[in-house]
Amino acid sequence: MSKKSRAKHHCARRNWNVKPAGTYLFLNPALNTQSVNTNVELDVSQQQDIRMHAWQSYAAIASGSISTIDNWAMVTTSMNIALLLAEYGYGVEHQDVFVRAQEALTRCYIRGTTKHVWRFDGAGVNDVRDALELHDQQCALVTHSDIAKALREIAQRVAEGNVFEVEAIAA
C-alpha cells in the first residue's frame, strides 16, 4: 500500500452540518414563523452578531489557514441575503458587487471541494470584502420581516435549482 493510499484511509472524514441560514436563525428563531410581528429593524446587538459571524468567517477564508466549509457557508448566506435585500430595494445599485462576490465564493467552493483548501483568489478577497461592507450597511436599514422573506426566498430558489452552476475546470 502506498503512502498516499494509506494516508487516505487514515484521514478522518468530517460530516459538516452546514446550516444555510447560519447566524440569521441563531439571532432570532422566530424568523421562521409568520405569526411574529417582525416589522421592526434589527437592534444594534443583532446587527453586530450578523457582522461578527460574517466577518470572522471571511477572515478565516482570507487567511486560508483555518477555514472550513462552515466559514464558506456563512459568508455565502450573507451574500445571498445581501443580493436579495438589494433586489428588495436596499442598495439596488450595488447588485453587481454582490454578484461578483458570489462568483468569488463559487471559485472558493471549487477550490475547497477539489483541493480541500478553503480560500479566496486575489480578486475574490476584495470582491467579498466590498460586498460584506455593503451588507453591513444593509443590516442597519432592514427589518426582521425583510430578513425572514430573504431566507424563505433563498430556500425556495435552492429547491427550484436556481443556484450558481459549478462548471468543470480543465486541469
Protein backbone atom coordinates (compact mmCIF):
# COMPACT_ATOMS: atom_id res chain seq x y z
CA MET A 1 0.00 0.00 0.00
CA SER A 2 1.45 3.37 -0.99
CA LYS A 3 1.84 6.30 1.38
CA LYS A 4 -0.96 8.20 -0.32
CA SER A 5 -3.49 5.40 -0.13
CA ARG A 6 -2.52 4.67 3.48
CA ALA A 7 -2.96 8.33 4.39
CA LYS A 8 -6.23 8.38 2.51
CA HIS A 9 -7.61 5.55 4.63
CA HIS A 10 -6.45 7.05 7.91
CA CYS A 11 -7.88 10.53 7.34
CA ALA A 12 -10.98 11.22 9.35
CA ARG A 13 -13.89 12.29 7.23
CA ARG A 14 -15.98 15.02 8.68
CA ASN A 15 -19.65 15.33 8.18
CA TRP A 16 -20.14 19.09 8.09
CA ASN A 17 -23.61 20.02 9.20
CA VAL A 18 -23.91 23.30 7.37
CA LYS A 19 -26.98 25.33 8.16
CA PRO A 20 -27.79 27.57 5.19
CA ALA A 21 -29.40 30.22 7.39
CA GLY A 22 -26.48 30.24 9.83
CA THR A 23 -26.42 33.17 12.21
CA TYR A 24 -29.66 34.60 10.98
CA LEU A 25 -31.73 31.87 12.61
CA PHE A 26 -29.44 31.84 15.62
CA LEU A 27 -30.24 35.51 16.17
CA ASN A 28 -33.97 35.03 16.13
CA PRO A 29 -35.54 31.58 15.63
CA ALA A 30 -38.87 33.39 15.27
CA LEU A 31 -37.78 34.49 11.79
CA ASN A 32 -39.19 31.20 10.51
CA THR A 33 -42.64 31.91 11.85
CA GLN A 34 -45.03 34.27 10.18
CA SER A 35 -47.14 34.97 13.27
CA VAL A 36 -44.49 37.12 14.97
CA ASN A 37 -44.55 40.87 14.34
CA THR A 38 -41.23 41.27 12.57
CA ASN A 39 -41.68 44.73 11.08
CA VAL A 40 -39.07 46.22 13.37
CA GLU A 41 -35.49 47.00 12.48
CA LEU A 42 -32.67 44.82 13.74
CA ASP A 43 -31.33 46.15 17.01
CA VAL A 44 -27.66 47.00 17.42
CA SER A 45 -26.72 43.69 19.07
CA GLN A 46 -28.37 41.68 16.27
CA GLN A 47 -26.57 43.76 13.64
CA GLN A 48 -23.28 43.18 15.46
CA ASP A 49 -23.90 39.42 15.65
CA ILE A 50 -24.56 39.22 11.91
CA ARG A 51 -21.49 41.31 11.14
CA MET A 52 -19.26 39.44 13.57
CA HIS A 53 -20.04 35.98 12.23
CA ALA A 54 -19.79 37.04 8.59
CA TRP A 55 -16.52 38.92 9.11
CA GLN A 56 -14.96 36.14 11.21
CA SER A 57 -15.77 33.63 8.50
CA TYR A 58 -14.41 35.98 5.86
CA ALA A 59 -11.17 36.45 7.85
CA ALA A 60 -10.74 32.69 8.22
CA ILE A 61 -11.14 32.16 4.47
CA ALA A 62 -9.00 35.17 3.52
CA SER A 63 -6.16 33.92 5.73
CA GLY A 64 -6.62 30.39 4.39
CA SER A 65 -5.20 28.77 7.48
CA ILE A 66 -8.20 27.51 9.45
CA SER A 67 -11.12 27.91 7.08
CA THR A 68 -13.75 25.24 6.52
CA ILE A 69 -16.91 24.75 4.53
CA ASP A 70 -18.79 26.23 7.51
CA ASN A 71 -16.96 29.52 7.03
CA TRP A 72 -17.77 29.42 3.34
CA ALA A 73 -21.44 28.71 4.09
CA MET A 74 -21.70 31.64 6.50
CA VAL A 75 -20.24 34.12 4.01
CA THR A 76 -22.33 32.63 1.19
CA THR A 77 -25.51 33.01 3.23
CA SER A 78 -24.64 36.62 3.94
CA MET A 79 -24.06 37.27 0.24
CA ASN A 80 -27.28 35.55 -0.78
CA ILE A 81 -29.25 37.63 1.70
CA ALA A 82 -27.41 40.79 0.65
CA LEU A 83 -28.30 40.17 -3.01
CA LEU A 84 -31.95 39.57 -2.16
CA LEU A 85 -32.06 42.68 0.01
CA ALA A 86 -30.66 44.61 -2.94
CA GLU A 87 -33.44 43.16 -5.09
CA TYR A 88 -35.91 44.38 -2.45
CA GLY A 89 -34.53 47.91 -2.81
CA TYR A 90 -31.82 48.09 -0.15
CA GLY A 91 -28.83 49.08 -2.29
CA VAL A 92 -30.20 48.01 -5.67
CA GLU A 93 -27.37 49.93 -7.35
CA HIS A 94 -24.85 47.53 -5.78
CA GLN A 95 -26.25 44.25 -7.15
CA ASP A 96 -23.21 43.78 -9.37
CA VAL A 97 -20.95 43.89 -6.30
CA PHE A 98 -22.93 41.08 -4.69
CA VAL A 99 -22.90 39.02 -7.89
CA ARG A 100 -19.10 39.37 -8.14
CA ALA A 101 -18.83 38.25 -4.51
CA GLN A 102 -21.00 35.21 -5.24
CA GLU A 103 -18.78 34.36 -8.21
CA ALA A 104 -15.74 34.61 -5.91
CA LEU A 105 -17.47 32.32 -3.43
CA THR A 106 -18.19 29.84 -6.23
CA ARG A 107 -14.49 29.82 -7.14
CA CYS A 108 -13.70 29.31 -3.44
CA TYR A 109 -16.14 26.39 -3.33
CA ILE A 110 -14.49 24.76 -6.35
CA ARG A 111 -11.07 25.18 -4.73
CA GLY A 112 -12.35 23.84 -1.42
CA THR A 113 -14.02 20.75 -2.83
CA THR A 114 -11.22 19.83 -5.21
CA LYS A 115 -8.08 20.87 -3.32
CA HIS A 116 -9.51 20.90 0.23
CA VAL A 117 -8.27 24.46 0.71
CA TRP A 118 -10.99 26.97 1.50
CA ARG A 119 -9.64 30.36 0.45
CA PHE A 120 -10.30 33.17 -1.97
CA ASP A 121 -8.31 34.10 -5.02
CA GLY A 122 -6.81 37.60 -5.29
CA ALA A 123 -9.84 39.32 -6.79
CA GLY A 124 -12.21 37.34 -4.60
CA VAL A 125 -10.76 38.74 -1.39
CA ASN A 126 -11.58 42.29 -2.50
CA ASP A 127 -14.96 41.44 -4.02
CA VAL A 128 -16.25 39.67 -0.92
CA ARG A 129 -14.85 42.35 1.41
CA ASP A 130 -16.62 45.09 -0.56
CA ALA A 131 -19.87 43.13 -0.54
CA LEU A 132 -19.66 42.49 3.21
CA GLU A 133 -19.16 46.21 3.84
CA LEU A 134 -22.30 46.93 1.83
CA HIS A 135 -24.17 44.16 3.64
CA ASP A 136 -23.26 45.81 6.96
CA GLN A 137 -24.94 48.98 5.71
CA GLN A 138 -27.99 46.99 4.63
CA CYS A 139 -28.33 45.44 8.09
CA ALA A 140 -28.70 48.91 9.59
CA LEU A 141 -31.76 49.53 7.39
CA VAL A 142 -33.65 46.24 7.12
CA THR A 143 -36.42 44.81 9.28
CA HIS A 144 -36.85 41.31 10.65
CA SER A 145 -39.51 40.63 8.03
CA ASP A 146 -37.07 41.54 5.24
CA ILE A 147 -34.54 39.02 6.56
CA ALA A 148 -37.24 36.37 7.02
CA LYS A 149 -38.53 36.98 3.49
CA ALA A 150 -34.99 36.72 2.10
CA LEU A 151 -34.36 33.44 3.94
CA ARG A 152 -37.59 31.94 2.60
CA GLU A 153 -36.71 33.14 -0.91
CA ILE A 154 -33.24 31.56 -0.67
CA ALA A 155 -34.75 28.23 0.38
CA GLN A 156 -37.25 28.42 -2.47
CA ARG A 157 -34.58 29.25 -5.06
CA VAL A 158 -32.35 26.41 -3.88
CA ALA A 159 -35.29 23.99 -4.03
CA GLU A 160 -36.01 25.15 -7.60
CA GLY A 161 -32.35 24.67 -8.54
CA ASN A 162 -31.75 28.38 -9.13
CA VAL A 163 -28.12 28.41 -7.96
CA PHE A 164 -24.69 29.19 -9.39
CA GLU A 165 -23.63 26.29 -11.60
CA VAL A 166 -20.16 24.93 -10.97
CA GLU A 167 -18.53 24.18 -14.30
CA ALA A 168 -15.84 21.59 -14.77
CA ILE A 169 -12.37 23.12 -14.80
CA ALA A 170 -9.67 21.68 -17.01
CA ALA A 171 -6.65 20.66 -15.02
